[in-house]
Amino acid sequence: MMRGLFFRQSTVDPDTGTYDFLSANPAPGDIVRIEPRIYNYSTGQTASNISVVFQAIPYNSNSNSELCSSPINSTNGGAICPASARTTIGETTIRSLNSLQFTCLDGTDNEPINVTGCADPVYINWDTSNFGSSGPGTNAYRVYVVLNPGSSAGKETYGGEGPPVAITHVSSTTPLVATAPGNRFSVGEYVTIGGVKGLTEANGIFGVGSISGDEFTLEPCQPAPPCSIRSVPGRIPYESGGTATLLDTGQNNEGYGYIAITTPSNVAAAETNAPRDYLESDSLEVVRENVHHDLAPNQASAMMNVPLQLRFKAYSSAVHSDAAQVLFFDGDPRKGASAMAEKVIHPGENGRAGASVWLDWTPTTLGEHHLYAVLEEGSGTQQIAQINVVVVMH
């Protein structure tokens, strides 16, 4: 299992004696050390000759989408591309991991005062020369770490994705309604339906719409095919069979992180005219409950104990590579509310077009929640975005 992915300088800092973590987006041509933590969660078996492959695919942070010609889910937001669309940027092999052992993060885990018994670090040095833009701008990527691709060294299986769930009924309505007892799907996720007899329109890839107990609606993916749900008179009723499997990137034998390659503008490089990072009215939004990836500003509803996606978006007067910190609050931070999450954002990645980070928030209490996001900048004052979310019973 891959748990933790770090982007670092490729040469040792003489002061720290290790590889500094990146504090800004690299420029085209920079060499980036990509270093994950790889775990062997077996309690009794040693893992040997583990193949570790590093892959990159273009990514749009504002729509939380991978970019390719034929995404698996063909959606307006949250697009997932097939693994074949990724570019392999490096690979290496871990010779051995004992049971319950993990690879060290150089200079952090392998000091005696911190962790003992971890394995040697695993990493590649990525040459970003062909991954940036020629002029001012940013190319963002989702970077995958894939263990034993093709199961050549043994299948990687654990509970992040879960096994297929048996379907007991599918309605012939529009949209289709599937019944799968024991499913733990959430609104906005994608599922692969297969093996349904009779109502063959139910086989394919769909978005999970509204949920009621064990039932959930199958929403169309756009554009179709393969995810079209059409109102067809005289549909053959459901006969039997079928399973629903969560379609989720970054599970089982892979994990991922995000990085962007930025070519700054001349304005950003001039100290006398530094870029200004700022927020807009849409800087904090949530994905609507019943419409996948339709973003709602100002006011939204949610269900208790059901994850809700938040998008925070920041803008800049010029393209630049510096990072900033975002703190998320359930309650007004100016009145003492504690931070519930922290993210790193690069407001200048796309200048005035904006850059985004995403957060899953699960409300655990009913009523109105006032959510805040604070952009902390090294050279400016705090800026606050907010949204009201009314939480009701699931």
Protein backbone atom coordinates (compact mmCIF):
# COMPACT_ATOMS: atom_id res chain seq x y z
CA MET A 1 0.00 0.00 0.00
CA MET A 2 1.20 3.49 -0.85
CA ARG A 3 0.65 5.86 2.07
CA GLY A 4 2.23 9.28 1.61
CA LEU A 5 3.78 10.89 -1.47
CA PHE A 6 6.35 13.68 -1.23
CA PHE A 7 7.89 16.01 -3.81
CA ARG A 8 11.42 17.13 -2.87
CA GLN A 9 14.55 18.78 -4.14
CA SER A 10 16.82 16.33 -5.96
CA THR A 11 20.03 17.43 -4.24
CA VAL A 12 20.93 17.39 -0.56
CA ASP A 13 20.74 20.69 1.29
CA PRO A 14 24.12 21.12 3.06
CA ASP A 15 22.43 22.75 6.06
CA THR A 16 19.72 20.15 6.67
CA GLY A 17 21.67 17.17 5.35
CA THR A 18 18.64 15.87 3.44
CA TYR A 19 16.35 16.67 0.50
CA ASP A 20 14.19 19.72 1.18
CA PHE A 21 10.48 19.50 0.45
CA LEU A 22 9.32 21.73 -2.42
CA SER A 23 7.90 25.04 -1.21
CA ALA A 24 6.90 26.19 -4.70
CA ASN A 25 5.97 24.62 -8.00
CA PRO A 26 9.06 23.52 -9.95
CA ALA A 27 9.92 25.21 -13.25
CA PRO A 28 10.25 23.27 -16.52
CA GLY A 29 13.57 21.44 -16.49
CA ASP A 30 13.83 21.14 -12.71
CA ILE A 31 14.64 17.69 -11.34
CA VAL A 32 12.10 16.59 -8.73
CA ARG A 33 12.69 13.76 -6.27
CA ILE A 34 9.40 11.85 -5.90
CA GLU A 35 9.46 9.79 -2.72
CA PRO A 36 6.53 7.70 -1.41
CA ARG A 37 6.11 5.65 1.73
CA ILE A 38 5.37 2.04 0.79
CA TYR A 39 3.90 -0.24 3.46
CA ASN A 40 3.68 -4.00 3.77
CA TYR A 41 0.57 -4.50 5.89
CA SER A 42 0.89 -8.27 6.06
CA THR A 43 1.32 -9.53 9.61
CA GLY A 44 3.23 -12.62 8.58
CA GLN A 45 4.61 -12.46 5.03
CA THR A 46 7.65 -10.73 3.56
CA ALA A 47 7.09 -8.89 0.27
CA SER A 48 9.95 -9.30 -2.22
CA ASN A 49 10.91 -7.60 -5.49
CA ILE A 50 8.07 -5.09 -5.41
CA SER A 51 7.85 -3.20 -8.69
CA VAL A 52 7.13 0.52 -8.15
CA VAL A 53 6.05 2.47 -11.24
CA PHE A 54 5.59 6.26 -11.29
CA GLN A 55 3.08 7.70 -13.77
CA ALA A 56 1.73 11.16 -14.54
CA ILE A 57 -1.42 12.39 -16.25
CA PRO A 58 -2.53 16.00 -16.91
CA TYR A 59 -4.99 17.31 -14.33
CA ASN A 60 -7.36 20.27 -14.00
CA SER A 61 -7.71 21.32 -10.36
CA ASN A 62 -10.78 23.50 -10.96
CA SER A 63 -12.87 20.55 -12.17
CA ASN A 64 -10.92 17.89 -10.21
CA SER A 65 -10.50 16.04 -13.50
CA GLU A 66 -7.83 14.05 -15.26
CA LEU A 67 -7.40 15.16 -18.87
CA CYS A 68 -7.48 12.70 -21.76
CA SER A 69 -9.44 12.10 -24.96
CA SER A 70 -11.60 9.27 -23.57
CA PRO A 71 -12.19 9.39 -19.79
CA ILE A 72 -13.66 6.28 -18.23
CA ASN A 73 -16.64 8.11 -16.79
CA SER A 74 -17.02 10.86 -19.42
CA THR A 75 -18.18 13.39 -16.85
CA ASN A 76 -18.14 17.17 -16.69
CA GLY A 77 -16.26 17.04 -13.41
CA GLY A 78 -14.20 14.47 -11.56
CA ALA A 79 -13.12 12.75 -14.78
CA ILE A 80 -11.01 9.59 -14.43
CA CYS A 81 -8.88 8.43 -17.36
CA PRO A 82 -7.81 4.88 -18.15
CA ALA A 83 -4.36 3.88 -16.91
CA SER A 84 -3.23 3.62 -20.54
CA ALA A 85 -3.51 7.42 -20.84
CA ARG A 86 -0.82 8.00 -18.20
CA THR A 87 2.84 8.64 -18.97
CA THR A 88 5.38 6.51 -17.11
CA ILE A 89 8.02 8.85 -15.68
CA GLY A 90 10.13 6.31 -13.82
CA GLU A 91 10.23 2.98 -12.03
CA THR A 92 12.24 1.16 -9.42
CA THR A 93 12.13 -2.02 -7.34
CA ILE A 94 11.95 -2.61 -3.59
CA ARG A 95 14.02 -5.70 -2.87
CA SER A 96 12.26 -6.65 0.35
CA LEU A 97 9.76 -5.44 2.93
CA ASN A 98 9.30 -7.46 6.10
CA SER A 99 5.83 -7.89 7.57
CA LEU A 100 4.52 -4.57 8.93
CA GLN A 101 7.58 -2.74 7.58
CA PHE A 102 7.57 0.40 5.44
CA THR A 103 10.12 2.38 3.45
CA CYS A 104 11.80 5.32 5.16
CA LEU A 105 11.30 8.90 4.11
CA ASP A 106 14.89 10.09 3.80
CA GLY A 107 15.98 12.38 6.62
CA THR A 108 12.62 12.12 8.38
CA ASP A 109 11.87 8.48 9.20
CA ASN A 110 15.33 6.97 9.26
CA GLU A 111 16.76 8.85 12.21
CA PRO A 112 17.11 6.75 15.39
CA ILE A 113 15.11 9.25 17.42
CA ASN A 114 12.11 8.89 15.10
CA VAL A 115 11.71 5.46 13.55
CA THR A 116 13.77 2.28 13.67
CA GLY A 117 13.53 -0.71 11.40
CA CYS A 118 12.14 0.95 8.29
CA ALA A 119 13.51 -0.05 4.89
CA ASP A 120 15.66 2.04 2.55
CA PRO A 121 13.89 5.00 0.88
CA VAL A 122 12.29 4.42 -2.52
CA TYR A 123 12.28 7.28 -5.04
CA ILE A 124 12.88 8.48 -8.59
CA ASN A 125 14.37 11.72 -9.89
CA TRP A 126 11.91 13.17 -12.43
CA ASP A 127 13.21 15.44 -15.20
CA THR A 128 10.35 17.89 -15.85
CA SER A 129 11.86 19.34 -19.05
CA ASN A 130 9.06 18.16 -21.34
CA PHE A 131 6.19 18.66 -18.90
CA GLY A 132 5.96 22.46 -18.59
CA SER A 133 4.53 25.21 -20.78
CA SER A 134 6.72 27.22 -23.12
CA GLY A 135 5.30 30.56 -21.96
CA PRO A 136 3.86 31.85 -18.67
CA GLY A 137 1.46 29.22 -17.37
CA THR A 138 1.11 25.96 -15.52
CA ASN A 139 0.72 22.31 -16.45
CA ALA A 140 -0.72 20.37 -13.52
CA TYR A 141 -0.46 16.60 -13.04
CA ARG A 142 -1.86 13.81 -10.93
CA VAL A 143 1.13 11.57 -10.18
CA TYR A 144 0.43 7.90 -9.49
CA VAL A 145 2.58 5.39 -7.66
CA VAL A 146 1.60 1.92 -8.86
CA LEU A 147 2.73 -1.25 -7.07
CA ASN A 148 3.19 -4.47 -9.03
CA PRO A 149 1.29 -3.32 -12.13
CA GLY A 150 -0.40 -6.20 -13.89
CA SER A 151 -0.13 -8.26 -10.69
CA SER A 152 3.18 -9.64 -11.93
CA ALA A 153 4.44 -9.92 -8.35
CA GLY A 154 1.16 -10.69 -6.65
CA LYS A 155 -2.22 -8.99 -6.46
CA GLU A 156 -2.51 -6.03 -4.10
CA THR A 157 -5.83 -6.22 -2.25
CA TYR A 158 -7.14 -4.28 0.73
CA GLY A 159 -10.21 -2.51 1.92
CA GLY A 160 -10.08 0.88 0.25
CA GLU A 161 -12.26 -0.08 -2.68
CA GLY A 162 -14.24 -3.04 -1.46
CA PRO A 163 -15.65 -6.06 -3.29
CA PRO A 164 -18.60 -5.94 -5.72
CA VAL A 165 -22.02 -5.67 -4.08
CA ALA A 166 -24.81 -7.98 -5.25
CA ILE A 167 -27.82 -6.33 -6.90
CA THR A 168 -31.27 -7.67 -5.99
CA HIS A 169 -33.41 -5.44 -8.22
CA VAL A 170 -33.26 -2.70 -10.84
CA SER A 171 -36.33 -0.66 -11.71
CA SER A 172 -37.15 0.10 -15.35
CA THR A 173 -37.85 3.75 -14.54
CA THR A 174 -35.88 6.77 -15.73
CA PRO A 175 -33.47 7.17 -14.07
CA LEU A 176 -32.88 3.54 -13.22
CA VAL A 177 -32.98 2.67 -9.53
CA ALA A 178 -30.75 -0.15 -8.32
CA THR A 179 -31.15 -2.04 -5.05
CA ALA A 180 -27.92 -3.42 -3.59
CA PRO A 181 -28.20 -4.30 0.12
CA GLY A 182 -25.13 -3.44 2.14
CA ASN A 183 -23.65 -0.96 -0.34
CA ARG A 184 -21.70 1.96 1.08
CA PHE A 185 -21.80 4.18 -1.99
CA SER A 186 -21.98 7.96 -1.71
CA VAL A 187 -23.70 10.50 -3.92
CA GLY A 188 -21.39 11.60 -6.73
CA GLU A 189 -19.30 8.43 -6.85
CA TYR A 190 -19.17 6.22 -9.94
CA VAL A 191 -20.07 2.54 -10.08
CA THR A 192 -19.63 -0.17 -12.68
CA ILE A 193 -22.78 -2.30 -13.10
CA GLY A 194 -22.42 -5.71 -14.70
CA GLY A 195 -24.23 -9.03 -15.03
CA VAL A 196 -27.78 -7.66 -14.94
CA LYS A 197 -30.12 -9.92 -16.94
CA GLY A 198 -33.19 -8.64 -18.70
CA LEU A 199 -32.72 -4.93 -18.15
CA THR A 200 -29.45 -4.73 -20.07
CA GLU A 201 -29.53 -0.92 -20.06
CA ALA A 202 -28.38 -1.14 -16.44
CA ASN A 203 -25.00 -2.59 -17.41
CA GLY A 204 -22.31 0.08 -17.72
CA ILE A 205 -20.72 2.90 -15.77
CA PHE A 206 -22.99 5.34 -13.93
CA GLY A 207 -22.89 8.12 -11.39
CA VAL A 208 -24.56 7.49 -8.04
CA GLY A 209 -27.48 9.90 -7.71
CA SER A 210 -29.87 10.13 -4.79
CA ILE A 211 -29.66 7.39 -2.13
CA SER A 212 -32.46 5.93 -0.02
CA GLY A 213 -31.50 3.00 2.16
CA ASP A 214 -30.16 0.25 -0.10
CA GLU A 215 -31.48 1.96 -3.23
CA PHE A 216 -29.64 4.49 -5.39
CA THR A 217 -30.37 6.11 -8.74
CA LEU A 218 -28.05 5.58 -11.71
CA GLU A 219 -27.27 8.94 -13.25
CA PRO A 220 -26.06 9.31 -16.86
CA CYS A 221 -22.48 10.22 -17.70
CA GLN A 222 -22.00 12.92 -20.29
CA PRO A 223 -21.33 12.52 -23.12
CA ALA A 224 -22.68 9.02 -23.77
CA PRO A 225 -21.89 6.23 -24.55
CA PRO A 226 -21.09 4.17 -22.55
CA CYS A 227 -23.13 5.69 -19.75
CA SER A 228 -26.42 6.62 -21.40
CA ILE A 229 -29.76 6.15 -19.67
CA ARG A 230 -32.58 6.69 -22.13
CA SER A 231 -36.32 6.46 -21.64
CA VAL A 232 -37.20 3.47 -23.83
CA PRO A 233 -40.89 2.37 -24.02
CA GLY A 234 -41.44 -1.29 -23.30
CA ARG A 235 -38.19 -1.99 -21.50
CA ILE A 236 -37.69 -5.63 -20.57
CA PRO A 237 -38.02 -5.84 -16.77
CA TYR A 238 -35.16 -6.87 -14.53
CA GLU A 239 -34.83 -10.64 -14.37
CA SER A 240 -31.91 -11.42 -12.07
CA GLY A 241 -28.22 -11.06 -11.27
CA GLY A 242 -25.79 -8.21 -11.37
CA THR A 243 -23.18 -6.53 -9.21
CA ALA A 244 -22.21 -2.93 -8.49
CA THR A 245 -18.54 -2.07 -7.99
CA LEU A 246 -17.17 1.30 -6.92
CA LEU A 247 -15.13 2.95 -9.67
CA ASP A 248 -12.52 4.82 -7.68
CA THR A 249 -9.09 5.95 -8.75
CA GLY A 250 -6.13 5.50 -6.44
CA GLN A 251 -7.20 2.30 -4.72
CA ASN A 252 -5.78 -1.17 -4.17
CA ASN A 253 -2.34 -1.21 -5.81
CA GLU A 254 -1.95 2.53 -6.39
CA GLY A 255 -2.07 5.95 -4.79
CA TYR A 256 -1.49 9.46 -6.08
CA GLY A 257 -0.53 13.05 -5.35
CA TYR A 258 -0.55 16.36 -7.19
CA ILE A 259 2.17 18.55 -8.65
CA ALA A 260 2.27 21.39 -11.19
CA ILE A 261 5.06 22.71 -13.40
CA THR A 262 4.91 26.52 -13.61
CA THR A 263 6.58 28.99 -15.94
CA PRO A 264 6.20 32.32 -14.06
CA SER A 265 5.29 35.55 -15.78
CA ASN A 266 7.71 38.47 -15.86
CA VAL A 267 5.39 40.37 -13.53
CA ALA A 268 5.69 37.63 -10.91
CA ALA A 269 9.48 37.77 -11.11
CA ALA A 270 9.64 41.53 -10.50
CA GLU A 271 9.96 42.30 -6.80
CA THR A 272 8.65 45.84 -7.36
CA ASN A 273 5.37 44.54 -8.74
CA ALA A 274 4.64 41.36 -6.80
CA PRO A 275 1.52 39.37 -7.74
CA ARG A 276 -1.61 39.76 -5.61
CA ASP A 277 -3.44 36.60 -4.54
CA TYR A 278 -7.16 37.05 -3.93
CA LEU A 279 -10.55 35.32 -3.51
CA GLU A 280 -13.84 35.67 -5.38
CA SER A 281 -17.48 34.95 -4.55
CA ASP A 282 -17.06 31.37 -5.77
CA SER A 283 -13.94 30.65 -3.71
CA LEU A 284 -15.73 28.18 -1.42
CA GLU A 285 -18.36 25.92 -2.97
CA VAL A 286 -19.83 22.47 -2.41
CA VAL A 287 -20.93 19.78 -4.84
CA ARG A 288 -24.73 19.62 -4.84
CA GLU A 289 -26.23 16.49 -3.32
CA ASN A 290 -28.47 15.50 -6.22
CA VAL A 291 -26.56 16.82 -9.24
CA HIS A 292 -23.07 15.43 -9.70
CA HIS A 293 -20.38 18.10 -9.86
CA ASP A 294 -22.83 20.98 -9.97
CA LEU A 295 -21.18 23.47 -7.62
CA ALA A 296 -23.27 25.53 -5.22
CA PRO A 297 -22.05 28.84 -3.71
CA ASN A 298 -23.41 30.67 -0.66
CA GLN A 299 -25.96 28.11 0.56
CA ALA A 300 -26.20 24.30 0.26
CA SER A 301 -27.73 21.27 1.93
CA ALA A 302 -26.13 18.03 3.09
CA MET A 303 -27.02 14.83 4.91
CA MET A 304 -25.58 13.86 8.27
CA ASN A 305 -22.76 11.29 8.11
CA VAL A 306 -22.60 11.52 4.29
CA PRO A 307 -19.35 12.97 2.86
CA LEU A 308 -19.66 16.35 1.14
CA GLN A 309 -17.08 17.68 -1.33
CA LEU A 310 -15.82 21.23 -0.85
CA ARG A 311 -13.87 23.14 -3.47
CA PHE A 312 -11.67 26.09 -2.51
CA LYS A 313 -10.47 28.31 -5.35
CA ALA A 314 -7.91 31.12 -5.22
CA TYR A 315 -6.80 33.59 -7.88
CA SER A 316 -3.76 35.74 -8.58
CA SER A 317 -2.98 38.85 -10.58
CA ALA A 318 -0.06 37.03 -12.25
CA VAL A 319 1.23 33.52 -12.89
CA HIS A 320 3.67 32.49 -10.16
CA SER A 321 4.81 29.30 -8.43
CA ASP A 322 4.64 30.15 -4.71
CA ALA A 323 2.52 28.04 -2.38
CA ALA A 324 0.05 29.16 0.28
CA GLN A 325 -1.82 27.43 3.07
CA VAL A 326 -5.60 27.05 3.35
CA LEU A 327 -7.27 26.34 6.69
CA PHE A 328 -10.87 25.05 6.80
CA PHE A 329 -13.20 25.74 9.74
CA ASP A 330 -16.65 24.61 10.85
CA GLY A 331 -17.49 27.91 12.51
CA ASP A 332 -16.03 31.40 12.42
CA PRO A 333 -12.27 31.32 13.12
CA ARG A 334 -12.46 34.92 14.31
CA LYS A 335 -14.67 33.67 17.15
CA GLY A 336 -12.39 30.86 18.21
CA ALA A 337 -13.45 27.97 15.98
CA SER A 338 -10.75 25.32 15.56
CA ALA A 339 -9.39 24.34 12.15
CA MET A 340 -10.77 21.02 10.86
CA ALA A 341 -8.39 20.61 7.89
CA GLU A 342 -5.40 22.15 6.14
CA LYS A 343 -4.42 22.12 2.46
CA VAL A 344 -1.64 23.58 0.35
CA ILE A 345 -2.68 25.62 -2.69
CA HIS A 346 -0.74 27.47 -5.40
CA PRO A 347 -2.93 30.55 -6.09
CA GLY A 348 -0.72 31.70 -8.97
CA GLU A 349 -0.72 28.45 -10.95
CA ASN A 350 -3.16 29.84 -13.51
CA GLY A 351 -3.17 33.53 -12.60
CA ARG A 352 -6.62 35.05 -13.00
CA ALA A 353 -8.08 31.69 -14.11
CA GLY A 354 -7.65 30.38 -10.56
CA ALA A 355 -6.42 27.17 -8.94
CA SER A 356 -8.37 24.83 -6.67
CA VAL A 357 -8.01 22.27 -3.89
CA TRP A 358 -10.70 19.80 -2.80
CA LEU A 359 -11.74 18.54 0.61
CA ASP A 360 -14.18 15.83 1.73
CA TRP A 361 -16.11 16.93 4.83
CA THR A 362 -18.52 14.63 6.71
CA PRO A 363 -21.02 16.49 8.91
CA THR A 364 -21.80 14.67 12.14
CA THR A 365 -24.41 17.05 13.60
CA LEU A 366 -27.71 18.40 12.29
CA GLY A 367 -28.58 22.01 11.60
CA GLU A 368 -26.86 24.95 9.97
CA HIS A 369 -23.08 24.91 9.66
CA HIS A 370 -21.12 28.02 8.73
CA LEU A 371 -18.02 26.79 6.89
CA TYR A 372 -15.02 29.03 6.42
CA ALA A 373 -11.79 28.75 4.43
CA VAL A 374 -8.87 31.05 5.21
CA LEU A 375 -6.10 31.71 2.70
CA GLU A 376 -2.88 32.46 4.54
CA GLU A 377 -0.24 34.29 2.53
CA GLY A 378 3.33 35.03 3.47
CA SER A 379 3.15 38.59 2.17
CA GLY A 380 -0.48 39.50 2.66
CA THR A 381 -3.38 39.51 5.10
CA GLN A 382 -5.70 36.62 5.72
CA GLN A 383 -8.57 36.27 3.28
CA ILE A 384 -11.77 34.43 4.16
CA ALA A 385 -14.39 32.62 2.07
CA GLN A 386 -17.52 31.08 3.55
CA ILE A 387 -20.61 29.05 2.79
CA ASN A 388 -23.65 27.98 4.84
CA VAL A 389 -24.57 24.28 4.78
CA VAL A 390 -27.84 22.99 6.26
CA VAL A 391 -27.41 19.38 7.45
CA VAL A 392 -30.48 17.14 7.55
CA MET A 393 -31.07 13.51 8.55
CA HIS A 394 -29.93 10.89 6.02
